[in-house]
Amino acid sequence: MSSTSPPPFSGEPASAVAIAVASAAQGDGGGAGATVVPDAGWVLDAGETLTAVPPLRLALVTFAENRLALASTIVLVLVAAFSFVGPLLYHTDQISTNLLIANLAPGAAHPLGTTPEGRDELGRLMLGGQSTLEVGITAALLATAFGLVWGLIAGYAGGWLDSVLMRVVDAMLSIPFLFFVVLLASLIVPTLWLIILVITAVSWLSTARLVRGEALSLRTRDYVRAAEGFGARPTRLAFRHIAPNLLGVVIVNGTLKVADAILIFASISYLGLGLPPPATSWGALLTAGINNLFDGYWWQLWPAAFMIVVTVLAVAVLGDGLRDVVERRLQKR
C-alpha cells in the first residue's frame, strides 16, 4: 500500500458523491473492485493503490448532486441568450418613437405589447436584460476583486494597518446609501460605467470583511508559518499561500453579489439614477410599468418583474450549489 494515508475511516456508508467518484475512477481504468474511503476524496483500487480524486472532478460531482443548482445554471444561460442573442433574431427599433402604436396590448405584431413611446416591449425587455446583466456581473467582479485585496491585506498584516483599513470600511458603511444615490442623481447624468462604480462602491465592503476574517484564521496555519520560516516575502505569503485558500468562499460571495447588484440597479433606477433613454434596464421598465399599472397596461410591468425575480432566484440557488462545493472542499483541508 502507498505510504500516503487517507483520513480515518468512519465505518459509515459511502455517500452518493463517493460512489459517483468511485464509478468515475473505475471508468478511468481504476479496475473492478475499486472502493472509496467515505467522505475522504480518496479511491482504493483493486491493486491496493491509494489515489486522490482530482479536486475539479470532485467539485463537479458535488455540484451535479444539487439538481436545483443545475437547473439555475440552465436558467441563467437561457436568460443570457434571451438578452444577447434574442435581438439578433427578433429585430426591433428601440431608438425612434411611434405614438401611433403606443400602449398596444400583446398581439401577433407585438407579442408583449408596446410601451408608451410606441416601442416593442419584447425588444425592450431584451435590451434591458443586456444592461442589467452587464451591470450585475461587472459590478460583482469589481467588488469581489477589490474586497478580496483589501480584506486580504487587512487580515494578513494585522496591527495598526488592519485597524486603519477596517475603520475605512466602517466609515463607508455608515453613509446612507439612499442619500448617496439621490445626491449623485441630482448632480450628474448617469452612465453605465458610473452606475457600475456606484454599485461597486457599496458592494465591496462586505466582501472585505469576510475575507479579512478568513485571512486572520489562515495566517496562523502551519504551512504559512513554515513558509515564513523559509524566508518567504509577505506579498508572496498573502497572495500565494493565503489567497488561493480564500477563492472558494470568495467565489460563492461573488456569485451572490451578482444578485445584489441586479436588485440595487433596479432600485436606483426607481430613484432616478437609471440609464437615460433610449437605453433601458429591467429596473427602468419596472418603474415605467408601475407608473402605468393603474391605466391597465399590465404588460409594461409583469415581464420585467418576472425577469428580475427569475434571474435573482437563479443566481441565489447557484450560489447555494457553489457553497456545497466549497464546504466539501473545506472538510478536506
C-alpha atoms as a PDB file:
ATOM      1  CA  MET A   1       0.000   0.000   0.000  1.00  0.00           C
ATOM      2  CA  SER A   2       1.115   3.556  -0.686  1.00  0.00           C
ATOM      3  CA  SER A   3       2.742   5.451   2.128  1.00  0.00           C
ATOM      4  CA  THR A   4       0.092   8.161   1.811  1.00  0.00           C
ATOM      5  CA  SER A   5      -2.630   7.606   4.402  1.00  0.00           C
ATOM      6  CA  PRO A   6      -6.256   8.553   3.908  1.00  0.00           C
ATOM      7  CA  PRO A   7      -8.356  10.298   6.538  1.00  0.00           C
ATOM      8  CA  PRO A   8      -9.687   7.937   9.210  1.00  0.00           C
ATOM      9  CA  PHE A   9     -12.388   5.510   8.056  1.00  0.00           C
ATOM     10  CA  SER A  10     -15.572   6.235   9.933  1.00  0.00           C
ATOM     11  CA  GLY A  11     -17.331   2.982   9.101  1.00  0.00           C
ATOM     12  CA  GLU A  12     -20.386   4.857   7.794  1.00  0.00           C
ATOM     13  CA  PRO A  13     -21.894   4.067   4.379  1.00  0.00           C
ATOM     14  CA  ALA A  14     -20.252   5.841   1.473  1.00  0.00           C
ATOM     15  CA  SER A  15     -22.037   8.982   0.294  1.00  0.00           C
ATOM     16  CA  ALA A  16     -23.526   9.388  -3.145  1.00  0.00           C
ATOM     17  CA  VAL A  17     -20.603  11.602  -4.071  1.00  0.00           C
ATOM     18  CA  ALA A  18     -18.094   8.949  -3.035  1.00  0.00           C
ATOM     19  CA  ILE A  19     -19.938   6.282  -5.021  1.00  0.00           C
ATOM     20  CA  ALA A  20     -20.013   8.520  -8.085  1.00  0.00           C
ATOM     21  CA  VAL A  21     -16.299   9.221  -7.748  1.00  0.00           C
ATOM     22  CA  ALA A  22     -15.619   5.514  -7.438  1.00  0.00           C
ATOM     23  CA  SER A  23     -17.560   4.833 -10.606  1.00  0.00           C
ATOM     24  CA  ALA A  24     -15.617   7.554 -12.392  1.00  0.00           C
ATOM     25  CA  ALA A  25     -12.361   6.032 -11.165  1.00  0.00           C
ATOM     26  CA  GLN A  26     -13.373   2.623 -12.494  1.00  0.00           C
ATOM     27  CA  GLY A  27     -14.259   4.152 -15.833  1.00  0.00           C
ATOM     28  CA  ASP A  28     -10.795   5.744 -15.978  1.00  0.00           C
ATOM     29  CA  GLY A  29      -9.069   2.438 -15.567  1.00  0.00           C
ATOM     30  CA  GLY A  30      -9.223   2.025 -11.810  1.00  0.00           C
ATOM     31  CA  GLY A  31     -10.283  -1.580 -12.348  1.00  0.00           C
ATOM     32  CA  ALA A  32     -13.055  -3.665 -10.907  1.00  0.00           C
ATOM     33  CA  GLY A  33     -13.221  -3.749  -7.182  1.00  0.00           C
ATOM     34  CA  ALA A  34     -12.280  -0.118  -6.658  1.00  0.00           C
ATOM     35  CA  THR A  35     -13.605   1.228  -3.361  1.00  0.00           C
ATOM     36  CA  VAL A  36     -13.864   4.658  -1.856  1.00  0.00           C
ATOM     37  CA  VAL A  37     -12.952   5.860   1.587  1.00  0.00           C
ATOM     38  CA  PRO A  38     -16.163   7.647   2.606  1.00  0.00           C
ATOM     39  CA  ASP A  39     -16.098  11.451   2.501  1.00  0.00           C
ATOM     40  CA  ALA A  40     -12.343  11.461   2.055  1.00  0.00           C
ATOM     41  CA  GLY A  41     -11.792  12.098  -1.635  1.00  0.00           C
ATOM     42  CA  TRP A  42      -9.574   9.021  -1.966  1.00  0.00           C
ATOM     43  CA  VAL A  43     -10.035   5.914  -4.164  1.00  0.00           C
ATOM     44  CA  LEU A  44      -8.663   2.497  -3.223  1.00  0.00           C
ATOM     45  CA  ASP A  45      -8.478   0.329  -6.339  1.00  0.00           C
ATOM     46  CA  ALA A  46      -8.054  -3.430  -6.619  1.00  0.00           C
ATOM     47  CA  GLY A  47      -4.270  -3.082  -6.834  1.00  0.00           C
ATOM     48  CA  GLU A  48      -4.085  -1.605  -3.321  1.00  0.00           C
ATOM     49  CA  THR A  49      -3.026   1.771  -4.711  1.00  0.00           C
ATOM     50  CA  LEU A  50      -4.379   4.820  -2.895  1.00  0.00           C
ATOM     51  CA  THR A  51      -5.025   7.725  -5.263  1.00  0.00           C
ATOM     52  CA  ALA A  52      -6.554  11.125  -4.598  1.00  0.00           C
ATOM     53  CA  VAL A  53      -9.564  12.194  -6.641  1.00  0.00           C
ATOM     54  CA  PRO A  54      -8.843  15.349  -8.718  1.00  0.00           C
ATOM     55  CA  PRO A  55     -10.404  18.349  -6.966  1.00  0.00           C
ATOM     56  CA  LEU A  56     -12.131  19.511 -10.141  1.00  0.00           C
ATOM     57  CA  ARG A  57     -13.854  16.153 -10.625  1.00  0.00           C
ATOM     58  CA  LEU A  58     -14.945  16.060  -7.003  1.00  0.00           C
ATOM     59  CA  ALA A  59     -16.294  19.614  -7.300  1.00  0.00           C
ATOM     60  CA  LEU A  60     -18.254  18.769 -10.459  1.00  0.00           C
ATOM     61  CA  VAL A  61     -19.752  15.651  -8.906  1.00  0.00           C
ATOM     62  CA  THR A  62     -20.729  17.565  -5.772  1.00  0.00           C
ATOM     63  CA  PHE A  63     -22.300  20.340  -7.837  1.00  0.00           C
ATOM     64  CA  ALA A  64     -24.129  17.802 -10.030  1.00  0.00           C
ATOM     65  CA  GLU A  65     -25.816  16.348  -6.944  1.00  0.00           C
ATOM     66  CA  ASN A  66     -27.635  19.641  -6.448  1.00  0.00           C
ATOM     67  CA  ARG A  67     -30.353  19.479  -9.096  1.00  0.00           C
ATOM     68  CA  LEU A  68     -31.639  22.946  -8.253  1.00  0.00           C
ATOM     69  CA  ALA A  69     -28.191  24.417  -8.871  1.00  0.00           C
ATOM     70  CA  LEU A  70     -28.034  22.675 -12.253  1.00  0.00           C
ATOM     71  CA  ALA A  71     -31.486  23.991 -13.135  1.00  0.00           C
ATOM     72  CA  SER A  72     -30.489  27.515 -12.101  1.00  0.00           C
ATOM     73  CA  THR A  73     -27.423  27.320 -14.336  1.00  0.00           C
ATOM     74  CA  ILE A  74     -29.626  26.406 -17.291  1.00  0.00           C
ATOM     75  CA  VAL A  75     -31.998  29.268 -16.449  1.00  0.00           C
ATOM     76  CA  LEU A  76     -29.138  31.771 -16.357  1.00  0.00           C
ATOM     77  CA  VAL A  77     -27.839  30.546 -19.712  1.00  0.00           C
ATOM     78  CA  LEU A  78     -31.314  30.976 -21.199  1.00  0.00           C
ATOM     79  CA  VAL A  79     -31.621  34.475 -19.720  1.00  0.00           C
ATOM     80  CA  ALA A  80     -28.254  35.461 -21.182  1.00  0.00           C
ATOM     81  CA  ALA A  81     -29.231  34.014 -24.572  1.00  0.00           C
ATOM     82  CA  PHE A  82     -32.555  35.853 -24.456  1.00  0.00           C
ATOM     83  CA  SER A  83     -30.811  39.162 -23.750  1.00  0.00           C
ATOM     84  CA  PHE A  84     -27.834  38.960 -26.108  1.00  0.00           C
ATOM     85  CA  VAL A  85     -28.848  36.506 -28.841  1.00  0.00           C
ATOM     86  CA  GLY A  86     -32.547  37.414 -28.913  1.00  0.00           C
ATOM     87  CA  PRO A  87     -32.073  40.856 -30.548  1.00  0.00           C
ATOM     88  CA  LEU A  88     -30.178  39.191 -33.393  1.00  0.00           C
ATOM     89  CA  LEU A  89     -33.234  37.060 -34.174  1.00  0.00           C
ATOM     90  CA  TYR A  90     -36.032  39.452 -33.213  1.00  0.00           C
ATOM     91  CA  HIS A  91     -35.304  42.831 -34.800  1.00  0.00           C
ATOM     92  CA  THR A  92     -36.997  45.920 -33.342  1.00  0.00           C
ATOM     93  CA  ASP A  93     -36.427  49.667 -33.386  1.00  0.00           C
ATOM     94  CA  GLN A  94     -35.558  50.729 -29.862  1.00  0.00           C
ATOM     95  CA  ILE A  95     -34.424  54.263 -30.732  1.00  0.00           C
ATOM     96  CA  SER A  96     -37.230  56.088 -32.530  1.00  0.00           C
ATOM     97  CA  THR A  97     -40.718  56.557 -31.103  1.00  0.00           C
ATOM     98  CA  ASN A  98     -44.072  55.846 -32.751  1.00  0.00           C
ATOM     99  CA  LEU A  99     -47.012  57.236 -30.799  1.00  0.00           C
ATOM    100  CA  LEU A 100     -49.471  55.709 -33.282  1.00  0.00           C
ATOM    101  CA  ILE A 101     -48.826  52.275 -31.746  1.00  0.00           C
ATOM    102  CA  ALA A 102     -48.300  53.407 -28.145  1.00  0.00           C
ATOM    103  CA  ASN A 103     -49.625  51.189 -25.329  1.00  0.00           C
ATOM    104  CA  LEU A 104     -50.850  48.414 -27.626  1.00  0.00           C
ATOM    105  CA  ALA A 105     -51.840  45.195 -25.870  1.00  0.00           C
ATOM    106  CA  PRO A 106     -49.954  41.979 -26.671  1.00  0.00           C
ATOM    107  CA  GLY A 107     -50.798  40.623 -30.098  1.00  0.00           C
ATOM    108  CA  ALA A 108     -49.377  38.965 -33.184  1.00  0.00           C
ATOM    109  CA  ALA A 109     -47.344  42.018 -34.251  1.00  0.00           C
ATOM    110  CA  HIS A 110     -46.062  42.729 -30.731  1.00  0.00           C
ATOM    111  CA  PRO A 111     -46.042  39.585 -28.512  1.00  0.00           C
ATOM    112  CA  LEU A 112     -45.620  41.620 -25.320  1.00  0.00           C
ATOM    113  CA  GLY A 113     -47.352  44.799 -26.464  1.00  0.00           C
ATOM    114  CA  THR A 114     -45.768  48.229 -26.757  1.00  0.00           C
ATOM    115  CA  THR A 115     -44.512  50.964 -24.427  1.00  0.00           C
ATOM    116  CA  PRO A 116     -45.939  54.495 -24.003  1.00  0.00           C
ATOM    117  CA  GLU A 117     -43.374  55.611 -26.600  1.00  0.00           C
ATOM    118  CA  GLY A 118     -44.539  53.026 -29.121  1.00  0.00           C
ATOM    119  CA  ARG A 119     -41.526  50.739 -28.807  1.00  0.00           C
ATOM    120  CA  ASP A 120     -41.866  46.963 -28.847  1.00  0.00           C
ATOM    121  CA  GLU A 121     -41.963  45.674 -25.255  1.00  0.00           C
ATOM    122  CA  LEU A 122     -40.288  42.340 -26.035  1.00  0.00           C
ATOM    123  CA  GLY A 123     -37.380  44.048 -27.757  1.00  0.00           C
ATOM    124  CA  ARG A 124     -37.227  46.482 -24.869  1.00  0.00           C
ATOM    125  CA  LEU A 125     -37.024  43.586 -22.437  1.00  0.00           C
ATOM    126  CA  MET A 126     -34.086  42.099 -24.354  1.00  0.00           C
ATOM    127  CA  LEU A 127     -32.271  45.442 -24.420  1.00  0.00           C
ATOM    128  CA  GLY A 128     -32.892  45.953 -20.714  1.00  0.00           C
ATOM    129  CA  GLY A 129     -31.536  42.490 -19.992  1.00  0.00           C
ATOM    130  CA  GLN A 130     -28.225  43.379 -21.616  1.00  0.00           C
ATOM    131  CA  SER A 131     -27.578  46.393 -19.390  1.00  0.00           C
ATOM    132  CA  THR A 132     -28.891  44.612 -16.284  1.00  0.00           C
ATOM    133  CA  LEU A 133     -26.631  41.588 -16.727  1.00  0.00           C
ATOM    134  CA  GLU A 134     -23.659  43.755 -17.663  1.00  0.00           C
ATOM    135  CA  VAL A 135     -24.070  45.878 -14.543  1.00  0.00           C
ATOM    136  CA  GLY A 136     -24.728  42.881 -12.290  1.00  0.00           C
ATOM    137  CA  ILE A 137     -21.758  40.796 -13.455  1.00  0.00           C
ATOM    138  CA  THR A 138     -19.248  43.643 -13.843  1.00  0.00           C
ATOM    139  CA  ALA A 139     -20.083  45.261 -10.505  1.00  0.00           C
ATOM    140  CA  ALA A 140     -19.885  41.878  -8.771  1.00  0.00           C
ATOM    141  CA  LEU A 141     -16.468  41.133 -10.309  1.00  0.00           C
ATOM    142  CA  LEU A 142     -15.042  44.538  -9.386  1.00  0.00           C
ATOM    143  CA  ALA A 143     -16.477  44.474  -5.869  1.00  0.00           C
ATOM    144  CA  THR A 144     -15.224  40.940  -5.253  1.00  0.00           C
ATOM    145  CA  ALA A 145     -11.721  41.649  -6.569  1.00  0.00           C
ATOM    146  CA  PHE A 146     -11.333  44.911  -4.652  1.00  0.00           C
ATOM    147  CA  GLY A 147     -12.816  43.457  -1.470  1.00  0.00           C
ATOM    148  CA  LEU A 148     -10.510  40.432  -1.753  1.00  0.00           C
ATOM    149  CA  VAL A 149      -7.365  42.563  -1.959  1.00  0.00           C
ATOM    150  CA  TRP A 150      -8.500  44.981   0.774  1.00  0.00           C
ATOM    151  CA  GLY A 151      -9.557  42.274   3.209  1.00  0.00           C
ATOM    152  CA  LEU A 152      -6.502  40.123   2.479  1.00  0.00           C
ATOM    153  CA  ILE A 153      -4.107  42.973   3.260  1.00  0.00           C
ATOM    154  CA  ALA A 154      -6.006  43.875   6.429  1.00  0.00           C
ATOM    155  CA  GLY A 155      -6.281  40.292   7.662  1.00  0.00           C
ATOM    156  CA  TYR A 156      -2.696  39.268   6.944  1.00  0.00           C
ATOM    157  CA  ALA A 157      -0.994  42.475   8.078  1.00  0.00           C
ATOM    158  CA  GLY A 158      -2.964  42.865  11.314  1.00  0.00           C
ATOM    159  CA  GLY A 159      -1.988  45.505  13.841  1.00  0.00           C
ATOM    160  CA  TRP A 160      -2.424  49.194  13.088  1.00  0.00           C
ATOM    161  CA  LEU A 161      -2.823  48.660   9.335  1.00  0.00           C
ATOM    162  CA  ASP A 162      -5.735  46.290   9.958  1.00  0.00           C
ATOM    163  CA  SER A 163      -7.342  48.859  12.258  1.00  0.00           C
ATOM    164  CA  VAL A 164      -6.980  51.688   9.733  1.00  0.00           C
ATOM    165  CA  LEU A 165      -8.322  49.676   6.793  1.00  0.00           C
ATOM    166  CA  MET A 166     -11.300  48.328   8.682  1.00  0.00           C
ATOM    167  CA  ARG A 167     -12.162  51.762  10.088  1.00  0.00           C
ATOM    168  CA  VAL A 168     -12.387  52.960   6.495  1.00  0.00           C
ATOM    169  CA  VAL A 169     -14.841  50.119   5.822  1.00  0.00           C
ATOM    170  CA  ASP A 170     -16.881  51.035   8.900  1.00  0.00           C
ATOM    171  CA  ALA A 171     -16.971  54.697   7.879  1.00  0.00           C
ATOM    172  CA  MET A 172     -18.229  53.888   4.377  1.00  0.00           C
ATOM    173  CA  LEU A 173     -20.859  51.552   5.772  1.00  0.00           C
ATOM    174  CA  SER A 174     -22.178  54.398   7.926  1.00  0.00           C
ATOM    175  CA  ILE A 175     -23.021  56.532   4.846  1.00  0.00           C
ATOM    176  CA  PRO A 176     -26.727  56.116   3.960  1.00  0.00           C
ATOM    177  CA  PHE A 177     -26.938  54.553   0.516  1.00  0.00           C
ATOM    178  CA  LEU A 178     -30.196  56.338  -0.312  1.00  0.00           C
ATOM    179  CA  PHE A 179     -28.658  59.747   0.363  1.00  0.00           C
ATOM    180  CA  PHE A 180     -25.628  58.838  -1.744  1.00  0.00           C
ATOM    181  CA  VAL A 181     -27.742  57.813  -4.745  1.00  0.00           C
ATOM    182  CA  VAL A 182     -30.080  60.814  -4.596  1.00  0.00           C
ATOM    183  CA  LEU A 183     -27.074  63.177  -4.394  1.00  0.00           C
ATOM    184  CA  LEU A 184     -25.472  61.621  -7.468  1.00  0.00           C
ATOM    185  CA  ALA A 185     -28.736  61.653  -9.408  1.00  0.00           C
ATOM    186  CA  SER A 186     -29.126  65.376  -8.770  1.00  0.00           C
ATOM    187  CA  LEU A 187     -25.561  66.284  -9.764  1.00  0.00           C
ATOM    188  CA  ILE A 188     -24.622  64.169 -12.799  1.00  0.00           C
ATOM    189  CA  VAL A 189     -26.091  62.348 -15.770  1.00  0.00           C
ATOM    190  CA  PRO A 190     -25.809  58.607 -15.108  1.00  0.00           C
ATOM    191  CA  THR A 191     -23.897  56.362 -17.484  1.00  0.00           C
ATOM    192  CA  LEU A 192     -23.412  52.606 -17.495  1.00  0.00           C
ATOM    193  CA  TRP A 193     -19.917  52.763 -16.019  1.00  0.00           C
ATOM    194  CA  LEU A 194     -20.917  55.341 -13.436  1.00  0.00           C
ATOM    195  CA  ILE A 195     -23.704  53.059 -12.234  1.00  0.00           C
ATOM    196  CA  ILE A 196     -21.268  50.140 -12.098  1.00  0.00           C
ATOM    197  CA  LEU A 197     -18.848  52.181  -9.988  1.00  0.00           C
ATOM    198  CA  VAL A 198     -21.632  53.334  -7.646  1.00  0.00           C
ATOM    199  CA  ILE A 199     -22.778  49.762  -7.052  1.00  0.00           C
ATOM    200  CA  THR A 200     -19.178  48.581  -6.647  1.00  0.00           C
ATOM    201  CA  ALA A 201     -18.554  51.314  -4.061  1.00  0.00           C
ATOM    202  CA  VAL A 202     -21.257  49.901  -1.777  1.00  0.00           C
ATOM    203  CA  SER A 203     -20.759  46.194  -2.555  1.00  0.00           C
ATOM    204  CA  TRP A 204     -17.079  45.553  -1.815  1.00  0.00           C
ATOM    205  CA  LEU A 205     -17.368  46.390   1.871  1.00  0.00           C
ATOM    206  CA  SER A 206     -18.994  43.132   2.983  1.00  0.00           C
ATOM    207  CA  THR A 207     -16.539  41.131   0.878  1.00  0.00           C
ATOM    208  CA  ALA A 208     -13.611  42.879   2.563  1.00  0.00           C
ATOM    209  CA  ARG A 209     -14.974  41.982   5.993  1.00  0.00           C
ATOM    210  CA  LEU A 210     -15.491  38.352   5.006  1.00  0.00           C
ATOM    211  CA  VAL A 211     -12.010  37.996   3.510  1.00  0.00           C
ATOM    212  CA  ARG A 212     -10.389  39.734   6.456  1.00  0.00           C
ATOM    213  CA  GLY A 213     -11.934  37.249   8.900  1.00  0.00           C
ATOM    214  CA  GLU A 214     -10.799  34.267   6.819  1.00  0.00           C
ATOM    215  CA  ALA A 215      -7.301  35.705   6.408  1.00  0.00           C
ATOM    216  CA  LEU A 216      -6.938  36.180  10.170  1.00  0.00           C
ATOM    217  CA  SER A 217      -7.554  32.451  10.568  1.00  0.00           C
ATOM    218  CA  LEU A 218      -5.398  31.268   7.676  1.00  0.00           C
ATOM    219  CA  ARG A 219      -2.320  33.293   8.585  1.00  0.00           C
ATOM    220  CA  THR A 220      -1.821  31.145  11.692  1.00  0.00           C
ATOM    221  CA  ARG A 221      -1.823  27.844   9.767  1.00  0.00           C
ATOM    222  CA  ASP A 222       1.277  25.649   9.818  1.00  0.00           C
ATOM    223  CA  TYR A 223       2.027  25.952   6.102  1.00  0.00           C
ATOM    224  CA  VAL A 224       2.069  29.747   6.376  1.00  0.00           C
ATOM    225  CA  ARG A 225       4.385  29.587   9.389  1.00  0.00           C
ATOM    226  CA  ALA A 226       6.634  27.172   7.504  1.00  0.00           C
ATOM    227  CA  ALA A 227       6.794  29.497   4.510  1.00  0.00           C
ATOM    228  CA  GLU A 228       7.698  32.351   6.847  1.00  0.00           C
ATOM    229  CA  GLY A 229      10.467  30.219   8.300  1.00  0.00           C
ATOM    230  CA  PHE A 230      11.907  29.666   4.832  1.00  0.00           C
ATOM    231  CA  GLY A 231      12.037  33.427   4.312  1.00  0.00           C
ATOM    232  CA  ALA A 232       9.044  33.977   2.026  1.00  0.00           C
ATOM    233  CA  ARG A 233       8.171  37.633   1.497  1.00  0.00           C
ATOM    234  CA  PRO A 234       4.898  38.980   2.939  1.00  0.00           C
ATOM    235  CA  THR A 235       3.412  39.587  -0.519  1.00  0.00           C
ATOM    236  CA  ARG A 236       4.139  36.006  -1.530  1.00  0.00           C
ATOM    237  CA  LEU A 237       2.680  34.679   1.715  1.00  0.00           C
ATOM    238  CA  ALA A 238      -0.504  36.699   1.260  1.00  0.00           C
ATOM    239  CA  PHE A 239      -1.153  36.150  -2.444  1.00  0.00           C
ATOM    240  CA  ARG A 240       0.476  32.744  -2.985  1.00  0.00           C
ATOM    241  CA  HIS A 241      -0.325  30.837   0.188  1.00  0.00           C
ATOM    242  CA  ILE A 242      -3.390  32.537   1.732  1.00  0.00           C
ATOM    243  CA  ALA A 243      -5.348  33.940  -1.235  1.00  0.00           C
ATOM    244  CA  PRO A 244      -5.804  30.574  -3.053  1.00  0.00           C
ATOM    245  CA  ASN A 245      -7.450  29.138   0.060  1.00  0.00           C
ATOM    246  CA  LEU A 246      -9.898  32.042   0.076  1.00  0.00           C
ATOM    247  CA  LEU A 247     -11.060  31.610  -3.511  1.00  0.00           C
ATOM    248  CA  GLY A 248     -13.810  29.109  -2.713  1.00  0.00           C
ATOM    249  CA  VAL A 249     -15.523  31.383  -0.193  1.00  0.00           C
ATOM    250  CA  VAL A 250     -14.926  34.442  -2.381  1.00  0.00           C
ATOM    251  CA  ILE A 251     -16.444  32.788  -5.471  1.00  0.00           C
ATOM    252  CA  VAL A 252     -19.618  31.962  -3.557  1.00  0.00           C
ATOM    253  CA  ASN A 253     -19.796  35.507  -2.199  1.00  0.00           C
ATOM    254  CA  GLY A 254     -19.145  36.941  -5.649  1.00  0.00           C
ATOM    255  CA  THR A 255     -21.979  34.903  -7.129  1.00  0.00           C
ATOM    256  CA  LEU A 256     -24.405  36.324  -4.595  1.00  0.00           C
ATOM    257  CA  LYS A 257     -23.053  39.798  -5.346  1.00  0.00           C
ATOM    258  CA  VAL A 258     -24.465  39.468  -8.865  1.00  0.00           C
ATOM    259  CA  ALA A 259     -27.979  39.107  -7.448  1.00  0.00           C
ATOM    260  CA  ASP A 260     -27.394  42.015  -5.063  1.00  0.00           C
ATOM    261  CA  ALA A 261     -26.123  44.225  -7.896  1.00  0.00           C
ATOM    262  CA  ILE A 262     -29.187  43.466 -10.046  1.00  0.00           C
ATOM    263  CA  LEU A 263     -31.514  44.405  -7.198  1.00  0.00           C
ATOM    264  CA  ILE A 264     -29.528  47.566  -6.417  1.00  0.00           C
ATOM    265  CA  PHE A 265     -29.609  48.542 -10.100  1.00  0.00           C
ATOM    266  CA  ALA A 266     -33.373  48.099 -10.163  1.00  0.00           C
ATOM    267  CA  SER A 267     -33.796  50.187  -7.008  1.00  0.00           C
ATOM    268  CA  ILE A 268     -31.598  53.080  -8.124  1.00  0.00           C
ATOM    269  CA  SER A 269     -33.409  53.141 -11.480  1.00  0.00           C
ATOM    270  CA  TYR A 270     -36.580  53.784  -9.498  1.00  0.00           C
ATOM    271  CA  LEU A 271     -34.793  56.608  -7.651  1.00  0.00           C
ATOM    272  CA  GLY A 272     -33.720  58.345 -10.853  1.00  0.00           C
ATOM    273  CA  LEU A 273     -30.170  57.057 -11.345  1.00  0.00           C
ATOM    274  CA  GLY A 274     -31.088  54.753 -14.217  1.00  0.00           C
ATOM    275  CA  LEU A 275     -29.823  54.889 -17.772  1.00  0.00           C
ATOM    276  CA  PRO A 276     -31.215  57.781 -19.837  1.00  0.00           C
ATOM    277  CA  PRO A 277     -33.481  56.867 -22.805  1.00  0.00           C
ATOM    278  CA  PRO A 278     -33.346  55.260 -25.282  1.00  0.00           C
ATOM    279  CA  ALA A 279     -31.185  52.951 -23.155  1.00  0.00           C
ATOM    280  CA  THR A 280     -33.103  50.978 -20.567  1.00  0.00           C
ATOM    281  CA  SER A 281     -32.904  48.258 -17.944  1.00  0.00           C
ATOM    282  CA  TRP A 282     -35.285  45.876 -16.239  1.00  0.00           C
ATOM    283  CA  GLY A 283     -35.463  48.286 -13.323  1.00  0.00           C
ATOM    284  CA  ALA A 284     -36.402  51.181 -15.620  1.00  0.00           C
ATOM    285  CA  LEU A 285     -39.071  49.043 -17.302  1.00  0.00           C
ATOM    286  CA  LEU A 286     -40.377  48.076 -13.887  1.00  0.00           C
ATOM    287  CA  THR A 287     -40.581  51.727 -12.851  1.00  0.00           C
ATOM    288  CA  ALA A 288     -42.452  52.682 -16.018  1.00  0.00           C
ATOM    289  CA  GLY A 289     -44.785  49.737 -15.571  1.00  0.00           C
ATOM    290  CA  ILE A 290     -45.639  50.753 -12.015  1.00  0.00           C
ATOM    291  CA  ASN A 291     -46.483  54.266 -13.169  1.00  0.00           C
ATOM    292  CA  ASN A 292     -48.816  52.908 -15.867  1.00  0.00           C
ATOM    293  CA  LEU A 293     -50.255  49.943 -13.976  1.00  0.00           C
ATOM    294  CA  PHE A 294     -53.479  51.696 -12.964  1.00  0.00           C
ATOM    295  CA  ASP A 295     -54.131  52.522 -16.608  1.00  0.00           C
ATOM    296  CA  GLY A 296     -54.480  48.784 -17.286  1.00  0.00           C
ATOM    297  CA  TYR A 297     -51.155  48.379 -19.090  1.00  0.00           C
ATOM    298  CA  TRP A 298     -50.122  45.267 -17.145  1.00  0.00           C
ATOM    299  CA  TRP A 299     -47.738  44.067 -19.889  1.00  0.00           C
ATOM    300  CA  GLN A 300     -45.441  47.001 -19.149  1.00  0.00           C
ATOM    301  CA  LEU A 301     -44.842  45.753 -15.573  1.00  0.00           C
ATOM    302  CA  TRP A 302     -45.013  41.986 -15.197  1.00  0.00           C
ATOM    303  CA  PRO A 303     -42.490  40.824 -17.855  1.00  0.00           C
ATOM    304  CA  ALA A 304     -39.704  42.963 -16.356  1.00  0.00           C
ATOM    305  CA  ALA A 305     -40.665  41.939 -12.820  1.00  0.00           C
ATOM    306  CA  PHE A 306     -40.676  38.275 -13.868  1.00  0.00           C
ATOM    307  CA  MET A 307     -37.194  38.528 -15.404  1.00  0.00           C
ATOM    308  CA  ILE A 308     -35.752  40.216 -12.309  1.00  0.00           C
ATOM    309  CA  VAL A 309     -37.245  37.645  -9.931  1.00  0.00           C
ATOM    310  CA  VAL A 310     -36.222  34.636 -12.033  1.00  0.00           C
ATOM    311  CA  THR A 311     -32.664  35.890 -12.537  1.00  0.00           C
ATOM    312  CA  VAL A 312     -32.104  36.786  -8.885  1.00  0.00           C
ATOM    313  CA  LEU A 313     -33.516  33.457  -7.679  1.00  0.00           C
ATOM    314  CA  ALA A 314     -31.381  31.519 -10.182  1.00  0.00           C
ATOM    315  CA  VAL A 315     -28.231  33.330  -9.050  1.00  0.00           C
ATOM    316  CA  ALA A 316     -29.061  32.717  -5.384  1.00  0.00           C
ATOM    317  CA  VAL A 317     -29.649  28.989  -5.964  1.00  0.00           C
ATOM    318  CA  LEU A 318     -26.421  28.790  -7.974  1.00  0.00           C
ATOM    319  CA  GLY A 319     -24.627  30.359  -5.028  1.00  0.00           C
ATOM    320  CA  ASP A 320     -26.042  27.670  -2.730  1.00  0.00           C
ATOM    321  CA  GLY A 321     -24.728  24.993  -5.095  1.00  0.00           C
ATOM    322  CA  LEU A 322     -21.278  26.547  -5.103  1.00  0.00           C
ATOM    323  CA  ARG A 323     -21.416  26.753  -1.308  1.00  0.00           C
ATOM    324  CA  ASP A 324     -21.912  22.970  -1.168  1.00  0.00           C
ATOM    325  CA  VAL A 325     -18.794  22.526  -3.297  1.00  0.00           C
ATOM    326  CA  VAL A 326     -16.783  24.892  -1.090  1.00  0.00           C
ATOM    327  CA  GLU A 327     -17.926  23.269   2.160  1.00  0.00           C
ATOM    328  CA  ARG A 328     -16.925  19.837   0.873  1.00  0.00           C
ATOM    329  CA  ARG A 329     -13.539  21.200  -0.105  1.00  0.00           C
ATOM    330  CA  LEU A 330     -13.091  22.812   3.308  1.00  0.00           C
ATOM    331  CA  GLN A 331     -13.801  19.468   5.014  1.00  0.00           C
ATOM    332  CA  LYS A 332     -10.661  18.095   3.384  1.00  0.00           C
ATOM    333  CA  ARG A 333      -8.348  20.938   4.337  1.00  0.00           C
END
